């Protein structure tokens, strides 16, 4: 896997990723798509809660604006 950010996202399509936002919120979901601005489309999204247990899915599909993203962990 290359170290270029968009190459990492391309390799992670269809895989479960963790996305941390500027607000401190974290979303875990299947990466369904992205664009050059790192806007993300996640499916089957859950929000981790304290103790490592995940809540029920938030939405079937969630779009996260790239400006809000601090990190994406494949």
PDB file of N, CA and C in Angstrom:
ATOM      1  N   UNK A   1       0.847  -1.179   0.000  1.00  0.00           N
ATOM      2  CA  UNK A   1       0.000   0.000   0.000  1.00  0.00           C
ATOM      3  C   UNK A   1       0.889   1.238   0.000  1.00  0.00           C
ATOM      4  N   UNK A   2       0.585   2.159  -0.895  1.00  0.00           N
ATOM      5  CA  UNK A   2       1.348   3.391  -1.012  1.00  0.00           C
ATOM      6  C   UNK A   2       1.040   4.325   0.150  1.00  0.00           C
ATOM      7  N   UNK A   3       1.926   5.274   0.402  1.00  0.00           N
ATOM      8  CA  UNK A   3       1.729   6.221   1.478  1.00  0.00           C
ATOM      9  C   UNK A   3       0.892   7.426   1.091  1.00  0.00           C
ATOM     10  N   UNK A   4       0.492   7.521  -0.193  1.00  0.00           N
ATOM     11  CA  UNK A   4      -0.324   8.659  -0.622  1.00  0.00           C
ATOM     12  C   UNK A   4      -1.737   8.492  -0.093  1.00  0.00           C
ATOM     13  N   UNK A   5      -2.301   9.553   0.502  1.00  0.00           N
ATOM     14  CA  UNK A   5      -3.614   9.440   1.152  1.00  0.00           C
ATOM     15  C   UNK A   5      -4.723   8.879   0.262  1.00  0.00           C
ATOM     16  N   UNK A   6      -4.835   9.358  -0.960  1.00  0.00           N
ATOM     17  CA  UNK A   6      -5.916   8.872  -1.819  1.00  0.00           C
ATOM     18  C   UNK A   6      -5.695   7.416  -2.222  1.00  0.00           C
ATOM     19  N   UNK A   7      -4.439   6.980  -2.314  1.00  0.00           N
ATOM     20  CA  UNK A   7      -4.156   5.569  -2.604  1.00  0.00           C
ATOM     21  C   UNK A   7      -4.581   4.685  -1.439  1.00  0.00           C
ATOM     22  N   UNK A   8      -4.370   5.175  -0.223  1.00  0.00           N
ATOM     23  CA  UNK A   8      -4.788   4.432   0.971  1.00  0.00           C
ATOM     24  C   UNK A   8      -6.309   4.320   1.005  1.00  0.00           C
ATOM     25  N   UNK A   9      -6.998   5.413   0.682  1.00  0.00           N
ATOM     26  CA  UNK A   9      -8.460   5.373   0.646  1.00  0.00           C
ATOM     27  C   UNK A   9      -8.943   4.416  -0.434  1.00  0.00           C
ATOM     28  N   UNK A  10      -8.310   4.441  -1.596  1.00  0.00           N
ATOM     29  CA  UNK A  10      -8.700   3.542  -2.690  1.00  0.00           C
ATOM     30  C   UNK A  10      -8.562   2.082  -2.258  1.00  0.00           C
ATOM     31  N   UNK A  11      -7.468   1.764  -1.572  1.00  0.00           N
ATOM     32  CA  UNK A  11      -7.242   0.398  -1.100  1.00  0.00           C
ATOM     33  C   UNK A  11      -8.220   0.009   0.004  1.00  0.00           C
ATOM     34  N   UNK A  12      -8.810   1.004   0.670  1.00  0.00           N
ATOM     35  CA  UNK A  12      -9.725   0.753   1.781  1.00  0.00           C
ATOM     36  C   UNK A  12     -11.194   0.717   1.368  1.00  0.00           C
ATOM     37  N   UNK A  13     -11.496   0.965   0.092  1.00  0.00           N
ATOM     38  CA  UNK A  13     -12.883   0.924  -0.367  1.00  0.00           C
ATOM     39  C   UNK A  13     -13.513  -0.428  -0.050  1.00  0.00           C
ATOM     40  N   UNK A  14     -14.688  -0.385   0.526  1.00  0.00           N
ATOM     41  CA  UNK A  14     -15.398  -1.612   0.890  1.00  0.00           C
ATOM     42  C   UNK A  14     -14.963  -2.198   2.224  1.00  0.00           C
ATOM     43  N   UNK A  15     -13.947  -1.615   2.834  1.00  0.00           N
ATOM     44  CA  UNK A  15     -13.427  -2.089   4.116  1.00  0.00           C
ATOM     45  C   UNK A  15     -13.969  -1.227   5.256  1.00  0.00           C
ATOM     46  N   UNK A  16     -13.891  -1.765   6.466  1.00  0.00           N
ATOM     47  CA  UNK A  16     -14.312  -1.043   7.671  1.00  0.00           C
ATOM     48  C   UNK A  16     -13.226  -0.036   8.032  1.00  0.00           C
ATOM     49  N   UNK A  17     -13.609   1.233   8.237  1.00  0.00           N
ATOM     50  CA  UNK A  17     -12.661   2.276   8.628  1.00  0.00           C
ATOM     51  C   UNK A  17     -13.209   3.032   9.838  1.00  0.00           C
ATOM     52  N   UNK A  18     -12.299   3.665  10.558  1.00  0.00           N
ATOM     53  CA  UNK A  18     -12.655   4.508  11.690  1.00  0.00           C
ATOM     54  C   UNK A  18     -12.294   5.941  11.311  1.00  0.00           C
ATOM     55  N   UNK A  19     -13.256   6.860  11.470  1.00  0.00           N
ATOM     56  CA  UNK A  19     -13.044   8.254  11.097  1.00  0.00           C
ATOM     57  C   UNK A  19     -13.219   9.119  12.333  1.00  0.00           C
ATOM     58  N   UNK A  20     -12.181   9.895  12.672  1.00  0.00           N
ATOM     59  CA  UNK A  20     -12.245  10.818  13.807  1.00  0.00           C
ATOM     60  C   UNK A  20     -12.409  12.230  13.262  1.00  0.00           C
ATOM     61  N   UNK A  21     -13.345  12.981  13.863  1.00  0.00           N
ATOM     62  CA  UNK A  21     -13.648  14.333  13.418  1.00  0.00           C
ATOM     63  C   UNK A  21     -13.042  15.381  14.352  1.00  0.00           C
ATOM     64  N   UNK A  22     -12.994  16.620  13.890  1.00  0.00           N
ATOM     65  CA  UNK A  22     -12.481  17.729  14.701  1.00  0.00           C
ATOM     66  C   UNK A  22     -13.218  17.850  16.024  1.00  0.00           C
ATOM     67  N   UNK A  23     -14.496  17.526  16.029  1.00  0.00           N
ATOM     68  CA  UNK A  23     -15.310  17.628  17.241  1.00  0.00           C
ATOM     69  C   UNK A  23     -14.944  16.571  18.278  1.00  0.00           C
ATOM     70  N   UNK A  24     -14.138  15.577  17.867  1.00  0.00           N
ATOM     71  CA  UNK A  24     -13.791  14.482  18.765  1.00  0.00           C
ATOM     72  C   UNK A  24     -14.662  13.256  18.557  1.00  0.00           C
ATOM     73  N   UNK A  25     -15.740  13.409  17.788  1.00  0.00           N
ATOM     74  CA  UNK A  25     -16.610  12.276  17.490  1.00  0.00           C
ATOM     75  C   UNK A  25     -15.874  11.275  16.614  1.00  0.00           C
ATOM     76  N   UNK A  26     -16.287  10.019  16.727  1.00  0.00           N
ATOM     77  CA  UNK A  26     -15.693   8.967  15.911  1.00  0.00           C
ATOM     78  C   UNK A  26     -16.813   8.153  15.280  1.00  0.00           C
ATOM     79  N   UNK A  27     -16.642   7.824  14.019  1.00  0.00           N
ATOM     80  CA  UNK A  27     -17.595   7.002  13.284  1.00  0.00           C
ATOM     81  C   UNK A  27     -16.852   5.799  12.714  1.00  0.00           C
ATOM     82  N   UNK A  28     -17.473   4.643  12.778  1.00  0.00           N
ATOM     83  CA  UNK A  28     -16.904   3.433  12.202  1.00  0.00           C
ATOM     84  C   UNK A  28     -17.899   2.912  11.185  1.00  0.00           C
ATOM     85  N   UNK A  29     -17.411   2.677   9.968  1.00  0.00           N
ATOM     86  CA  UNK A  29     -18.305   2.189   8.924  1.00  0.00           C
ATOM     87  C   UNK A  29     -17.539   1.662   7.736  1.00  0.00           C
ATOM     88  N   UNK A  30     -18.276   1.127   6.781  1.00  0.00           N
ATOM     89  CA  UNK A  30     -17.677   0.613   5.559  1.00  0.00           C
ATOM     90  C   UNK A  30     -17.499   1.777   4.591  1.00  0.00           C
ATOM     91  N   UNK A  31     -16.263   1.970   4.105  1.00  0.00           N
ATOM     92  CA  UNK A  31     -15.971   3.062   3.187  1.00  0.00           C
ATOM     93  C   UNK A  31     -16.561   2.730   1.814  1.00  0.00           C
ATOM     94  N   UNK A  32     -17.604   3.477   1.427  1.00  0.00           N
ATOM     95  CA  UNK A  32     -18.294   3.234   0.159  1.00  0.00           C
ATOM     96  C   UNK A  32     -17.806   4.168  -0.940  1.00  0.00           C
ATOM     97  N   UNK A  33     -17.215   5.309  -0.564  1.00  0.00           N
ATOM     98  CA  UNK A  33     -16.734   6.245  -1.564  1.00  0.00           C
ATOM     99  C   UNK A  33     -16.030   7.430  -0.939  1.00  0.00           C
ATOM    100  N   UNK A  34     -15.342   8.186  -1.784  1.00  0.00           N
ATOM    101  CA  UNK A  34     -14.619   9.387  -1.352  1.00  0.00           C
ATOM    102  C   UNK A  34     -14.348  10.227  -2.590  1.00  0.00           C
ATOM    103  N   UNK A  35     -13.890  11.472  -2.386  1.00  0.00           N
ATOM    104  CA  UNK A  35     -13.480  12.308  -3.506  1.00  0.00           C
ATOM    105  C   UNK A  35     -12.153  12.980  -3.186  1.00  0.00           C
ATOM    106  N   UNK A  36     -11.683  13.839  -4.090  1.00  0.00           N
ATOM    107  CA  UNK A  36     -10.368  14.467  -3.929  1.00  0.00           C
ATOM    108  C   UNK A  36     -10.294  15.388  -2.718  1.00  0.00           C
ATOM    109  N   UNK A  37     -11.445  15.799  -2.163  1.00  0.00           N
ATOM    110  CA  UNK A  37     -11.477  16.649  -0.974  1.00  0.00           C
ATOM    111  C   UNK A  37     -11.562  15.808   0.311  1.00  0.00           C
ATOM    112  N   UNK A  38     -11.514  14.510   0.154  1.00  0.00           N
ATOM    113  CA  UNK A  38     -11.645  13.538   1.241  1.00  0.00           C
ATOM    114  C   UNK A  38     -13.019  13.598   1.897  1.00  0.00           C
ATOM    115  N   UNK A  39     -14.035  14.035   1.141  1.00  0.00           N
ATOM    116  CA  UNK A  39     -15.406  13.824   1.584  1.00  0.00           C
ATOM    117  C   UNK A  39     -15.612  12.316   1.544  1.00  0.00           C
ATOM    118  N   UNK A  40     -16.242  11.767   2.561  1.00  0.00           N
ATOM    119  CA  UNK A  40     -16.358  10.320   2.684  1.00  0.00           C
ATOM    120  C   UNK A  40     -17.812   9.873   2.673  1.00  0.00           C
ATOM    121  N   UNK A  41     -18.041   8.719   2.099  1.00  0.00           N
ATOM    122  CA  UNK A  41     -19.348   8.071   2.153  1.00  0.00           C
ATOM    123  C   UNK A  41     -19.140   6.770   2.923  1.00  0.00           C
ATOM    124  N   UNK A  42     -19.814   6.642   4.078  1.00  0.00           N
ATOM    125  CA  UNK A  42     -19.727   5.439   4.900  1.00  0.00           C
ATOM    126  C   UNK A  42     -21.082   4.756   4.937  1.00  0.00           C
ATOM    127  N   UNK A  43     -21.065   3.442   4.959  1.00  0.00           N
ATOM    128  CA  UNK A  43     -22.295   2.664   5.087  1.00  0.00           C
ATOM    129  C   UNK A  43     -22.238   1.847   6.365  1.00  0.00           C
ATOM    130  N   UNK A  44     -23.406   1.486   6.883  1.00  0.00           N
ATOM    131  CA  UNK A  44     -23.518   0.696   8.115  1.00  0.00           C
ATOM    132  C   UNK A  44     -22.691   1.300   9.244  1.00  0.00           C
ATOM    133  N   UNK A  45     -22.927   2.580   9.504  1.00  0.00           N
ATOM    134  CA  UNK A  45     -22.135   3.353  10.467  1.00  0.00           C
ATOM    135  C   UNK A  45     -22.580   3.095  11.903  1.00  0.00           C
ATOM    136  N   UNK A  46     -21.586   2.952  12.775  1.00  0.00           N
ATOM    137  CA  UNK A  46     -21.823   2.870  14.212  1.00  0.00           C
ATOM    138  C   UNK A  46     -20.930   3.897  14.901  1.00  0.00           C
ATOM    139  N   UNK A  47     -21.292   4.227  16.142  1.00  0.00           N
ATOM    140  CA  UNK A  47     -20.496   5.148  16.944  1.00  0.00           C
ATOM    141  C   UNK A  47     -19.976   4.379  18.142  1.00  0.00           C
ATOM    142  N   UNK A  48     -18.638   4.230  18.251  1.00  0.00           N
ATOM    143  CA  UNK A  48     -18.086   3.532  19.422  1.00  0.00           C
ATOM    144  C   UNK A  48     -18.417   4.295  20.707  1.00  0.00           C
ATOM    145  N   UNK A  49     -18.723   3.556  21.761  1.00  0.00           N
ATOM    146  CA  UNK A  49     -18.967   4.173  23.056  1.00  0.00           C
ATOM    147  C   UNK A  49     -17.947   3.633  24.037  1.00  0.00           C
ATOM    148  N   UNK A  50     -17.867   4.249  25.181  1.00  0.00           N
ATOM    149  CA  UNK A  50     -16.892   3.877  26.198  1.00  0.00           C
ATOM    150  C   UNK A  50     -16.986   2.391  26.518  1.00  0.00           C
ATOM    151  N   UNK A  51     -15.847   1.753  26.654  1.00  0.00           N
ATOM    152  CA  UNK A  51     -15.821   0.331  26.952  1.00  0.00           C
ATOM    153  C   UNK A  51     -15.681  -0.527  25.704  1.00  0.00           C
ATOM    154  N   UNK A  52     -15.598   0.126  24.519  1.00  0.00           N
ATOM    155  CA  UNK A  52     -15.378  -0.607  23.285  1.00  0.00           C
ATOM    156  C   UNK A  52     -16.615  -1.232  22.668  1.00  0.00           C
ATOM    157  N   UNK A  53     -17.775  -1.007  23.268  1.00  0.00           N
ATOM    158  CA  UNK A  53     -19.013  -1.548  22.713  1.00  0.00           C
ATOM    159  C   UNK A  53     -19.565  -0.541  21.712  1.00  0.00           C
ATOM    160  N   UNK A  54     -20.092  -1.029  20.596  1.00  0.00           N
ATOM    161  CA  UNK A  54     -20.638  -0.126  19.595  1.00  0.00           C
ATOM    162  C   UNK A  54     -22.144  -0.042  19.719  1.00  0.00           C
ATOM    163  N   UNK A  55     -22.656   1.159  19.495  1.00  0.00           N
ATOM    164  CA  UNK A  55     -24.102   1.368  19.492  1.00  0.00           C
ATOM    165  C   UNK A  55     -24.696   0.787  18.225  1.00  0.00           C
ATOM    166  N   UNK A  56     -26.001   0.770  18.157  1.00  0.00           N
ATOM    167  CA  UNK A  56     -26.697   0.354  16.945  1.00  0.00           C
ATOM    168  C   UNK A  56     -26.326   1.293  15.809  1.00  0.00           C
ATOM    169  N   UNK A  57     -26.491   0.848  14.570  1.00  0.00           N
ATOM    170  CA  UNK A  57     -26.149   1.711  13.432  1.00  0.00           C
ATOM    171  C   UNK A  57     -26.834   3.070  13.509  1.00  0.00           C
ATOM    172  N   UNK A  58     -26.083   4.112  13.142  1.00  0.00           N
ATOM    173  CA  UNK A  58     -26.608   5.473  13.124  1.00  0.00           C
ATOM    174  C   UNK A  58     -27.495   5.630  11.898  1.00  0.00           C
ATOM    175  N   UNK A  59     -26.996   5.276  10.759  1.00  0.00           N
ATOM    176  CA  UNK A  59     -27.696   5.386   9.485  1.00  0.00           C
ATOM    177  C   UNK A  59     -27.149   4.310   8.555  1.00  0.00           C
ATOM    178  N   UNK A  60     -27.903   4.004   7.513  1.00  0.00           N
ATOM    179  CA  UNK A  60     -27.391   3.084   6.507  1.00  0.00           C
ATOM    180  C   UNK A  60     -26.253   3.729   5.734  1.00  0.00           C
ATOM    181  N   UNK A  61     -26.413   5.019   5.380  1.00  0.00           N
ATOM    182  CA  UNK A  61     -25.391   5.740   4.632  1.00  0.00           C
ATOM    183  C   UNK A  61     -25.155   7.097   5.291  1.00  0.00           C
ATOM    184  N   UNK A  62     -23.886   7.437   5.497  1.00  0.00           N
ATOM    185  CA  UNK A  62     -23.508   8.705   6.114  1.00  0.00           C
ATOM    186  C   UNK A  62     -22.455   9.373   5.248  1.00  0.00           C
ATOM    187  N   UNK A  63     -22.615  10.668   4.990  1.00  0.00           N
ATOM    188  CA  UNK A  63     -21.626  11.434   4.243  1.00  0.00           C
ATOM    189  C   UNK A  63     -20.932  12.373   5.216  1.00  0.00           C
ATOM    190  N   UNK A  64     -19.615  12.333   5.214  1.00  0.00           N
ATOM    191  CA  UNK A  64     -18.823  13.176   6.112  1.00  0.00           C
ATOM    192  C   UNK A  64     -17.999  14.129   5.256  1.00  0.00           C
ATOM    193  N   UNK A  65     -18.138  15.414   5.524  1.00  0.00           N
ATOM    194  CA  UNK A  65     -17.385  16.420   4.773  1.00  0.00           C
ATOM    195  C   UNK A  65     -15.913  16.358   5.162  1.00  0.00           C
ATOM    196  N   UNK A  66     -15.043  16.374   4.171  1.00  0.00           N
ATOM    197  CA  UNK A  66     -13.608  16.240   4.378  1.00  0.00           C
ATOM    198  C   UNK A  66     -13.005  17.282   5.298  1.00  0.00           C
ATOM    199  N   UNK A  67     -13.578  18.498   5.338  1.00  0.00           N
ATOM    200  CA  UNK A  67     -13.060  19.567   6.204  1.00  0.00           C
ATOM    201  C   UNK A  67     -13.137  19.187   7.681  1.00  0.00           C
ATOM    202  N   UNK A  68     -14.024  18.276   8.036  1.00  0.00           N
ATOM    203  CA  UNK A  68     -14.215  17.891   9.434  1.00  0.00           C
ATOM    204  C   UNK A  68     -13.342  16.728   9.874  1.00  0.00           C
ATOM    205  N   UNK A  69     -12.676  16.070   8.923  1.00  0.00           N
ATOM    206  CA  UNK A  69     -11.932  14.855   9.217  1.00  0.00           C
ATOM    207  C   UNK A  69     -10.551  15.160   9.766  1.00  0.00           C
ATOM    208  N   UNK A  70     -10.213  14.524  10.896  1.00  0.00           N
ATOM    209  CA  UNK A  70      -8.875  14.642  11.467  1.00  0.00           C
ATOM    210  C   UNK A  70      -8.055  13.417  11.081  1.00  0.00           C
ATOM    211  N   UNK A  71      -8.660  12.220  11.162  1.00  0.00           N
ATOM    212  CA  UNK A  71      -7.943  11.011  10.799  1.00  0.00           C
ATOM    213  C   UNK A  71      -8.896   9.929  10.294  1.00  0.00           C
ATOM    214  N   UNK A  72      -8.346   9.071   9.435  1.00  0.00           N
ATOM    215  CA  UNK A  72      -9.059   7.917   8.908  1.00  0.00           C
ATOM    216  C   UNK A  72      -8.153   6.727   9.137  1.00  0.00           C
ATOM    217  N   UNK A  73      -8.658   5.741   9.860  1.00  0.00           N
ATOM    218  CA  UNK A  73      -7.857   4.547  10.157  1.00  0.00           C
ATOM    219  C   UNK A  73      -8.470   3.343   9.454  1.00  0.00           C
ATOM    220  N   UNK A  74      -7.743   2.781   8.476  1.00  0.00           N
ATOM    221  CA  UNK A  74      -8.247   1.593   7.771  1.00  0.00           C
ATOM    222  C   UNK A  74      -8.238   0.370   8.677  1.00  0.00           C
TER     223      UNK A  74
END
